[in-house]
């Protein structure tokens, strides 16, 4: 499968519903581990705390890994999934361009999964925040600096 075909497959059947909670995942281009650099990781985490990043959506739980990012997001009334994700990627890339030889670039597309409002949201949050442990980056969730999660 070509990269273009894979990108189209990710969009197939995508629906953006206001009030719906989605698990989103995006990766850096060529899985480059930009966020091993603490400066870049901290700057990107600050961006995730800014309301302008999300528009009328709400980030509920996220983790920034060396080469990818996971987020639980609840859509608002106005912005669809593609707009929210494109805004995040654009802002994250632009803030790092100044003074860098290799600004952050993201792979095209993203993966999304709509969650039911039962136990799936809590299970997805647990999956997100334990990602650094499963990847062998830390032994305990609280030892990893680049995540945040609302009380779900």
Protein backbone atom coordinates (compact mmCIF):
# COMPACT_ATOMS: atom_id res chain seq x y z
CA UNK A 1 0.00 0.00 0.00
CA UNK A 2 1.38 3.43 -0.91
CA UNK A 3 1.60 6.25 1.62
CA UNK A 4 -1.16 8.14 -0.22
CA UNK A 5 -3.42 5.09 -0.16
CA UNK A 6 -2.78 4.65 3.58
CA UNK A 7 -3.64 8.30 4.22
CA UNK A 8 -6.91 7.95 2.31
CA UNK A 9 -7.77 4.80 4.24
CA UNK A 10 -7.45 6.73 7.51
CA UNK A 11 -10.05 9.26 6.32
CA UNK A 12 -12.50 6.67 5.03
CA UNK A 13 -15.60 6.66 7.19
CA UNK A 14 -14.35 9.48 9.44
CA UNK A 15 -17.23 11.32 11.10
CA UNK A 16 -16.91 14.33 13.41
CA UNK A 17 -19.73 14.52 15.93
CA UNK A 18 -20.07 17.40 18.43
CA UNK A 19 -19.77 16.14 22.00
CA UNK A 20 -18.16 12.89 20.88
CA UNK A 21 -14.92 11.78 22.56
CA UNK A 22 -12.18 10.52 20.23
CA UNK A 23 -8.84 8.85 20.76
CA UNK A 24 -6.45 10.56 18.32
CA UNK A 25 -2.94 9.50 17.36
CA UNK A 26 -0.46 11.17 15.06
CA UNK A 27 3.20 10.45 14.37
CA UNK A 28 6.16 12.53 13.30
CA UNK A 29 7.38 12.18 9.74
CA UNK A 30 9.57 9.08 9.40
CA UNK A 31 8.95 8.51 13.13
CA UNK A 32 11.72 11.01 13.91
CA UNK A 33 12.05 11.21 17.73
CA UNK A 34 12.01 15.02 17.94
CA UNK A 35 10.61 14.98 21.46
CA UNK A 36 13.64 13.30 22.97
CA UNK A 37 14.85 16.92 23.06
CA UNK A 38 13.42 18.25 26.34
CA UNK A 39 13.19 21.80 24.93
CA UNK A 40 10.92 20.66 22.12
CA UNK A 41 8.88 18.39 24.37
CA UNK A 42 8.28 21.13 26.96
CA UNK A 43 7.38 23.72 24.32
CA UNK A 44 4.90 21.32 22.71
CA UNK A 45 3.38 20.48 26.09
CA UNK A 46 2.89 24.20 26.80
CA UNK A 47 1.10 24.47 23.47
CA UNK A 48 -1.29 21.71 24.52
CA UNK A 49 -2.35 23.82 27.49
CA UNK A 50 -3.33 26.81 25.32
CA UNK A 51 -7.05 27.13 24.46
CA UNK A 52 -6.23 28.42 20.93
CA UNK A 53 -4.80 25.00 20.11
CA UNK A 54 -8.15 23.26 20.51
CA UNK A 55 -10.70 25.85 19.36
CA UNK A 56 -14.01 24.72 20.82
CA UNK A 57 -12.79 21.16 21.44
CA UNK A 58 -11.42 20.01 24.78
CA UNK A 59 -8.28 17.94 25.32
CA UNK A 60 -9.10 15.48 28.12
CA UNK A 61 -5.95 13.37 28.30
CA UNK A 62 -2.75 13.34 26.26
CA UNK A 63 0.78 12.02 26.14
CA UNK A 64 3.67 13.24 24.01
CA UNK A 65 6.01 10.39 23.11
CA UNK A 66 9.40 10.82 21.38
CA UNK A 67 7.90 10.25 17.90
CA UNK A 68 4.13 10.41 18.32
CA UNK A 69 1.26 11.87 20.27
CA UNK A 70 -2.00 10.48 21.69
CA UNK A 71 -4.96 12.54 22.82
CA UNK A 72 -8.47 12.02 24.10
CA UNK A 73 -10.46 14.94 22.78
CA UNK A 74 -14.10 15.93 23.08
CA UNK A 75 -15.29 17.82 20.03
CA UNK A 76 -17.19 21.05 20.38
CA UNK A 77 -19.94 22.32 18.11
CA UNK A 78 -17.78 24.13 15.55
CA UNK A 79 -14.50 22.35 14.74
CA UNK A 80 -14.23 18.91 13.15
CA UNK A 81 -11.50 16.33 13.81
CA UNK A 82 -9.39 17.32 10.82
CA UNK A 83 -9.41 21.00 11.74
CA UNK A 84 -8.47 20.28 15.36
CA UNK A 85 -5.62 17.96 14.37
CA UNK A 86 -4.33 20.21 11.59
CA UNK A 87 -4.34 23.20 13.96
CA UNK A 88 -2.35 21.24 16.55
CA UNK A 89 0.21 20.02 14.01
CA UNK A 90 0.57 23.45 12.44
CA UNK A 91 1.03 25.27 15.75
CA UNK A 92 3.48 22.64 17.01
CA UNK A 93 5.53 22.89 13.82
CA UNK A 94 5.50 26.70 13.61
CA UNK A 95 6.60 27.27 17.16
CA UNK A 96 9.71 25.18 16.55
CA UNK A 97 10.77 26.63 13.20
CA UNK A 98 12.58 29.65 14.61
CA UNK A 99 16.24 28.89 15.21
CA UNK A 100 16.04 25.20 14.34
CA UNK A 101 17.84 23.41 11.56
CA UNK A 102 15.25 20.65 11.44
CA UNK A 103 11.79 21.87 12.38
CA UNK A 104 9.22 19.29 13.44
CA UNK A 105 7.37 17.69 10.58
CA UNK A 106 4.41 15.40 11.03
CA UNK A 107 3.33 12.44 8.95
CA UNK A 108 0.25 13.05 6.85
CA UNK A 109 -3.03 12.05 8.38
CA UNK A 110 -3.88 10.74 11.81
CA UNK A 111 -5.73 7.85 13.37
CA UNK A 112 -9.02 8.44 15.18
CA UNK A 113 -11.31 6.19 17.16
CA UNK A 114 -14.70 7.31 18.52
CA UNK A 115 -15.35 6.15 22.07
CA UNK A 116 -18.58 5.23 23.75
CA UNK A 117 -19.33 7.12 26.96
CA UNK A 118 -19.11 4.03 29.12
CA UNK A 119 -15.86 2.52 30.45
CA UNK A 120 -14.09 3.00 27.13
CA UNK A 121 -13.08 6.56 27.98
CA UNK A 122 -11.36 5.54 31.22
CA UNK A 123 -9.68 2.58 29.48
CA UNK A 124 -8.44 4.88 26.69
CA UNK A 125 -7.08 7.35 29.27
CA UNK A 126 -5.25 4.51 31.04
CA UNK A 127 -3.83 3.39 27.68
CA UNK A 128 -2.62 6.92 26.95
CA UNK A 129 -0.93 7.64 30.27
CA UNK A 130 0.74 4.21 30.50
CA UNK A 131 2.21 4.50 26.99
CA UNK A 132 5.66 5.66 28.28
CA UNK A 133 5.78 2.67 30.66
CA UNK A 134 4.92 0.18 27.89
CA UNK A 135 7.56 1.82 25.66
CA UNK A 136 10.20 1.31 28.37
CA UNK A 137 10.86 5.04 28.80
CA UNK A 138 10.03 4.99 32.53
CA UNK A 139 9.05 2.46 35.17
CA UNK A 140 6.13 4.46 36.60
CA UNK A 141 3.66 6.84 34.96
CA UNK A 142 4.56 9.70 37.32
CA UNK A 143 8.20 9.47 36.25
CA UNK A 144 7.28 10.74 32.75
CA UNK A 145 6.93 14.49 32.32
CA UNK A 146 5.04 14.88 29.05
CA UNK A 147 1.41 14.03 29.75
CA UNK A 148 -1.70 15.41 31.35
CA UNK A 149 -5.11 13.96 32.11
CA UNK A 150 -8.32 15.48 33.42
CA UNK A 151 -10.15 13.69 36.20
CA UNK A 152 -12.27 11.27 34.19
